[in-house]
PDB file of N, CA and C in Angstrom:
ATOM      1  N   UNK A   1     102.099 102.065 125.544  1.00  0.00           N
ATOM      2  CA  UNK A   1     102.598 101.428 124.230  1.00  0.00           C
ATOM      3  C   UNK A   1     101.610 100.987 123.340  1.00  0.00           C
ATOM      4  N   UNK A   2     101.773 101.274 121.824  1.00  0.00           N
ATOM      5  CA  UNK A   2     100.943 100.900 120.660  1.00  0.00           C
ATOM      6  C   UNK A   2     101.614  99.396 120.462  1.00  0.00           C
ATOM      7  N   UNK A   3     101.024  98.354 119.699  1.00  0.00           N
ATOM      8  CA  UNK A   3     101.393  97.027 119.010  1.00  0.00           C
ATOM      9  C   UNK A   3     101.999  97.825 117.936  1.00  0.00           C
ATOM     10  N   UNK A   4     102.347  98.740 117.787  1.00  0.00           N
ATOM     11  CA  UNK A   4     103.386  99.102 116.697  1.00  0.00           C
ATOM     12  C   UNK A   4     104.689  99.997 117.076  1.00  0.00           C
ATOM     13  N   UNK A   5     105.000  99.954 118.320  1.00  0.00           N
ATOM     14  CA  UNK A   5     105.789 100.833 118.850  1.00  0.00           C
ATOM     15  C   UNK A   5     106.756  99.758 118.633  1.00  0.00           C
ATOM     16  N   UNK A   6     108.192 100.940 118.219  1.00  0.00           N
ATOM     17  CA  UNK A   6     109.242 100.207 117.886  1.00  0.00           C
ATOM     18  C   UNK A   6     109.425 100.065 116.835  1.00  0.00           C
ATOM     19  N   UNK A   7     108.530 100.556 115.913  1.00  0.00           N
ATOM     20  CA  UNK A   7     108.549 100.420 114.460  1.00  0.00           C
ATOM     21  C   UNK A   7     108.452 101.623 114.042  1.00  0.00           C
ATOM     22  N   UNK A   8     109.436 101.563 112.839  1.00  0.00           N
ATOM     23  CA  UNK A   8     109.568 103.134 112.240  1.00  0.00           C
ATOM     24  C   UNK A   8     108.921 103.042 110.827  1.00  0.00           C
ATOM     25  N   UNK A   9     108.524 104.037 110.084  1.00  0.00           N
ATOM     26  CA  UNK A   9     107.984 104.040 108.875  1.00  0.00           C
ATOM     27  C   UNK A   9     108.733 105.211 108.394  1.00  0.00           C
ATOM     28  N   UNK A  10     108.815 105.142 106.700  1.00  0.00           N
ATOM     29  CA  UNK A  10     109.214 105.999 105.462  1.00  0.00           C
ATOM     30  C   UNK A  10     107.781 105.998 104.265  1.00  0.00           C
ATOM     31  N   UNK A  11     107.951 107.334 104.311  1.00  0.00           N
ATOM     32  CA  UNK A  11     106.546 106.745 103.006  1.00  0.00           C
ATOM     33  C   UNK A  11     108.021 107.694 101.743  1.00  0.00           C
ATOM     34  N   UNK A  12     107.713 106.947 100.910  1.00  0.00           N
ATOM     35  CA  UNK A  12     108.824 107.413  99.821  1.00  0.00           C
ATOM     36  C   UNK A  12     107.977 107.567  98.160  1.00  0.00           C
ATOM     37  N   UNK A  13     107.474 108.486  97.820  1.00  0.00           N
ATOM     38  CA  UNK A  13     106.144 108.510  96.796  1.00  0.00           C
ATOM     39  C   UNK A  13     104.882 107.804  97.437  1.00  0.00           C
ATOM     40  N   UNK A  14     104.849 106.593  96.725  1.00  0.00           N
ATOM     41  CA  UNK A  14     103.572 105.737  96.432  1.00  0.00           C
ATOM     42  C   UNK A  14     103.944 105.060  97.905  1.00  0.00           C
ATOM     43  N   UNK A  15     104.839 104.690  98.466  1.00  0.00           N
ATOM     44  CA  UNK A  15     105.465 103.108  98.824  1.00  0.00           C
ATOM     45  C   UNK A  15     105.799 103.590 100.254  1.00  0.00           C
ATOM     46  N   UNK A  16     105.635 102.914 101.193  1.00  0.00           N
ATOM     47  CA  UNK A  16     105.567 102.766 102.890  1.00  0.00           C
ATOM     48  C   UNK A  16     106.778 101.902 102.868  1.00  0.00           C
ATOM     49  N   UNK A  17     107.547 101.968 104.030  1.00  0.00           N
ATOM     50  CA  UNK A  17     108.691 101.047 104.573  1.00  0.00           C
ATOM     51  C   UNK A  17     108.793 101.316 106.058  1.00  0.00           C
ATOM     52  N   UNK A  18     108.524 100.008 106.410  1.00  0.00           N
ATOM     53  CA  UNK A  18     108.548  99.573 107.886  1.00  0.00           C
ATOM     54  C   UNK A  18     109.576  99.286 108.090  1.00  0.00           C
ATOM     55  N   UNK A  19     110.405  99.207 109.323  1.00  0.00           N
ATOM     56  CA  UNK A  19     111.765  99.283 109.423  1.00  0.00           C
ATOM     57  C   UNK A  19     111.819  98.991 111.352  1.00  0.00           C
ATOM     58  N   UNK A  20     112.921  98.345 111.740  1.00  0.00           N
ATOM     59  CA  UNK A  20     113.460  98.955 113.205  1.00  0.00           C
ATOM     60  C   UNK A  20     114.581  98.693 113.420  1.00  0.00           C
ATOM     61  N   UNK A  21     114.861  99.659 114.409  1.00  0.00           N
ATOM     62  CA  UNK A  21     116.325  99.107 114.872  1.00  0.00           C
ATOM     63  C   UNK A  21     116.627  98.087 115.794  1.00  0.00           C
ATOM     64  N   UNK A  22     117.264  97.142 115.787  1.00  0.00           N
ATOM     65  CA  UNK A  22     117.815  95.728 116.279  1.00  0.00           C
ATOM     66  C   UNK A  22     119.320  96.109 117.274  1.00  0.00           C
ATOM     67  N   UNK A  23     119.930  96.981 116.376  1.00  0.00           N
ATOM     68  CA  UNK A  23     121.342  97.446 117.733  1.00  0.00           C
ATOM     69  C   UNK A  23     121.401  98.363 116.651  1.00  0.00           C
ATOM     70  N   UNK A  24     122.403  99.324 117.739  1.00  0.00           N
ATOM     71  CA  UNK A  24     123.198 100.588 117.068  1.00  0.00           C
ATOM     72  C   UNK A  24     123.148 100.827 116.122  1.00  0.00           C
ATOM     73  N   UNK A  25     123.687 100.398 115.440  1.00  0.00           N
ATOM     74  CA  UNK A  25     124.492 100.488 113.974  1.00  0.00           C
ATOM     75  C   UNK A  25     123.518  99.663 112.912  1.00  0.00           C
ATOM     76  N   UNK A  26     121.836  99.259 113.178  1.00  0.00           N
ATOM     77  CA  UNK A  26     121.904  98.061 112.444  1.00  0.00           C
ATOM     78  C   UNK A  26     120.464  98.482 112.560  1.00  0.00           C
ATOM     79  N   UNK A  27     119.318  98.836 110.925  1.00  0.00           N
ATOM     80  CA  UNK A  27     118.067  99.008 111.004  1.00  0.00           C
ATOM     81  C   UNK A  27     117.317  97.696 110.116  1.00  0.00           C
ATOM     82  N   UNK A  28     116.465  97.461 110.521  1.00  0.00           N
ATOM     83  CA  UNK A  28     116.188  95.567 110.051  1.00  0.00           C
ATOM     84  C   UNK A  28     114.654  95.928 108.774  1.00  0.00           C
ATOM     85  N   UNK A  29     115.062  95.992 107.787  1.00  0.00           N
ATOM     86  CA  UNK A  29     114.111  96.236 107.158  1.00  0.00           C
ATOM     87  C   UNK A  29     113.025  94.588 107.383  1.00  0.00           C
ATOM     88  N   UNK A  30     111.708  95.718 107.676  1.00  0.00           N
ATOM     89  CA  UNK A  30     110.375  94.509 107.722  1.00  0.00           C
ATOM     90  C   UNK A  30     109.565  94.188 106.523  1.00  0.00           C
ATOM     91  N   UNK A  31     109.056  95.453 105.866  1.00  0.00           N
ATOM     92  CA  UNK A  31     108.468  95.309 105.312  1.00  0.00           C
ATOM     93  C   UNK A  31     108.650  96.427 104.072  1.00  0.00           C
ATOM     94  N   UNK A  32     108.317  96.574 102.826  1.00  0.00           N
ATOM     95  CA  UNK A  32     107.956  97.571 102.379  1.00  0.00           C
ATOM     96  C   UNK A  32     106.838  97.306 100.713  1.00  0.00           C
ATOM     97  N   UNK A  33     105.993  98.509 100.827  1.00  0.00           N
ATOM     98  CA  UNK A  33     105.274  98.156  99.316  1.00  0.00           C
ATOM     99  C   UNK A  33     104.473  99.637  99.429  1.00  0.00           C
ATOM    100  N   UNK A  34     103.161  99.269  98.572  1.00  0.00           N
ATOM    101  CA  UNK A  34     102.315 100.230  98.173  1.00  0.00           C
ATOM    102  C   UNK A  34     101.337 100.825  99.785  1.00  0.00           C
ATOM    103  N   UNK A  35     101.889 102.174 100.200  1.00  0.00           N
ATOM    104  CA  UNK A  35     100.668 102.327 101.227  1.00  0.00           C
ATOM    105  C   UNK A  35      99.696 101.738 100.901  1.00  0.00           C
ATOM    106  N   UNK A  36      98.764 101.207  99.839  1.00  0.00           N
ATOM    107  CA  UNK A  36      97.177 100.690 100.528  1.00  0.00           C
ATOM    108  C   UNK A  36      96.890  99.366 100.628  1.00  0.00           C
ATOM    109  N   UNK A  37      98.476  98.582 100.149  1.00  0.00           N
ATOM    110  CA  UNK A  37      99.149  97.405 101.067  1.00  0.00           C
ATOM    111  C   UNK A  37      99.301  96.890 102.375  1.00  0.00           C
ATOM    112  N   UNK A  38     100.274  97.960 102.377  1.00  0.00           N
ATOM    113  CA  UNK A  38     101.084  98.790 104.153  1.00  0.00           C
ATOM    114  C   UNK A  38      99.322  98.299 104.950  1.00  0.00           C
ATOM    115  N   UNK A  39      98.684  99.481 104.699  1.00  0.00           N
ATOM    116  CA  UNK A  39      97.443 100.125 106.101  1.00  0.00           C
ATOM    117  C   UNK A  39      97.013  98.467 105.697  1.00  0.00           C
ATOM    118  N   UNK A  40      96.614  97.930 104.580  1.00  0.00           N
ATOM    119  CA  UNK A  40      95.335  97.220 105.227  1.00  0.00           C
ATOM    120  C   UNK A  40      96.331  95.086 105.837  1.00  0.00           C
ATOM    121  N   UNK A  41      97.942  95.304 105.409  1.00  0.00           N
ATOM    122  CA  UNK A  41      98.187  94.466 105.780  1.00  0.00           C
ATOM    123  C   UNK A  41      98.224  94.238 107.485  1.00  0.00           C
ATOM    124  N   UNK A  42      98.277  95.826 107.556  1.00  0.00           N
ATOM    125  CA  UNK A  42      98.972  96.090 108.778  1.00  0.00           C
ATOM    126  C   UNK A  42      97.509  96.215 110.099  1.00  0.00           C
ATOM    127  N   UNK A  43      96.112  96.009 109.173  1.00  0.00           N
ATOM    128  CA  UNK A  43      94.945  95.799 110.647  1.00  0.00           C
ATOM    129  C   UNK A  43      95.198  94.699 110.146  1.00  0.00           C
ATOM    130  N   UNK A  44      95.198  93.266 109.578  1.00  0.00           N
ATOM    131  CA  UNK A  44      95.030  92.351 109.395  1.00  0.00           C
ATOM    132  C   UNK A  44      95.783  91.528 110.387  1.00  0.00           C
ATOM    133  N   UNK A  45      96.992  92.273 110.707  1.00  0.00           N
ATOM    134  CA  UNK A  45      98.117  91.732 111.429  1.00  0.00           C
ATOM    135  C   UNK A  45      97.675  91.868 112.863  1.00  0.00           C
ATOM    136  N   UNK A  46      97.251  93.120 113.018  1.00  0.00           N
ATOM    137  CA  UNK A  46      96.950  94.116 114.295  1.00  0.00           C
ATOM    138  C   UNK A  46      95.294  93.060 115.047  1.00  0.00           C
ATOM    139  N   UNK A  47      94.941  93.092 113.956  1.00  0.00           N
ATOM    140  CA  UNK A  47      93.384  91.713 114.344  1.00  0.00           C
ATOM    141  C   UNK A  47      93.273  90.733 114.337  1.00  0.00           C
ATOM    142  N   UNK A  48      94.723  90.177 113.776  1.00  0.00           N
ATOM    143  CA  UNK A  48      94.969  88.551 114.434  1.00  0.00           C
ATOM    144  C   UNK A  48      95.381  88.439 116.119  1.00  0.00           C
ATOM    145  N   UNK A  49      95.959  89.636 116.261  1.00  0.00           N
ATOM    146  CA  UNK A  49      96.764  89.563 117.406  1.00  0.00           C
ATOM    147  C   UNK A  49      95.817  89.705 118.496  1.00  0.00           C
ATOM    148  N   UNK A  50      94.976  90.021 118.308  1.00  0.00           N
ATOM    149  CA  UNK A  50      93.585  90.530 119.379  1.00  0.00           C
ATOM    150  C   UNK A  50      93.005  89.341 119.725  1.00  0.00           C
ATOM    151  N   UNK A  51      92.806  88.313 118.526  1.00  0.00           N
ATOM    152  CA  UNK A  51      91.832  87.125 118.497  1.00  0.00           C
ATOM    153  C   UNK A  51      92.279  86.380 119.279  1.00  0.00           C
ATOM    154  N   UNK A  52      91.524  85.775 120.320  1.00  0.00           N
ATOM    155  CA  UNK A  52      91.983  84.922 121.253  1.00  0.00           C
ATOM    156  C   UNK A  52      93.623  83.626 120.541  1.00  0.00           C
TER     157      UNK A  52
END
């Protein structure tokens, strides 16, 4: 299991939407932005989680 397991992603044009299912009938929108912004932020978040 990777650090992003449990999250779903959806691409609509130049946008990327990150979400996760919290209950059987509920989906929580975590973040939505342009794809290049999403990728940069996800690299920063993953790097900060790996730091002591």
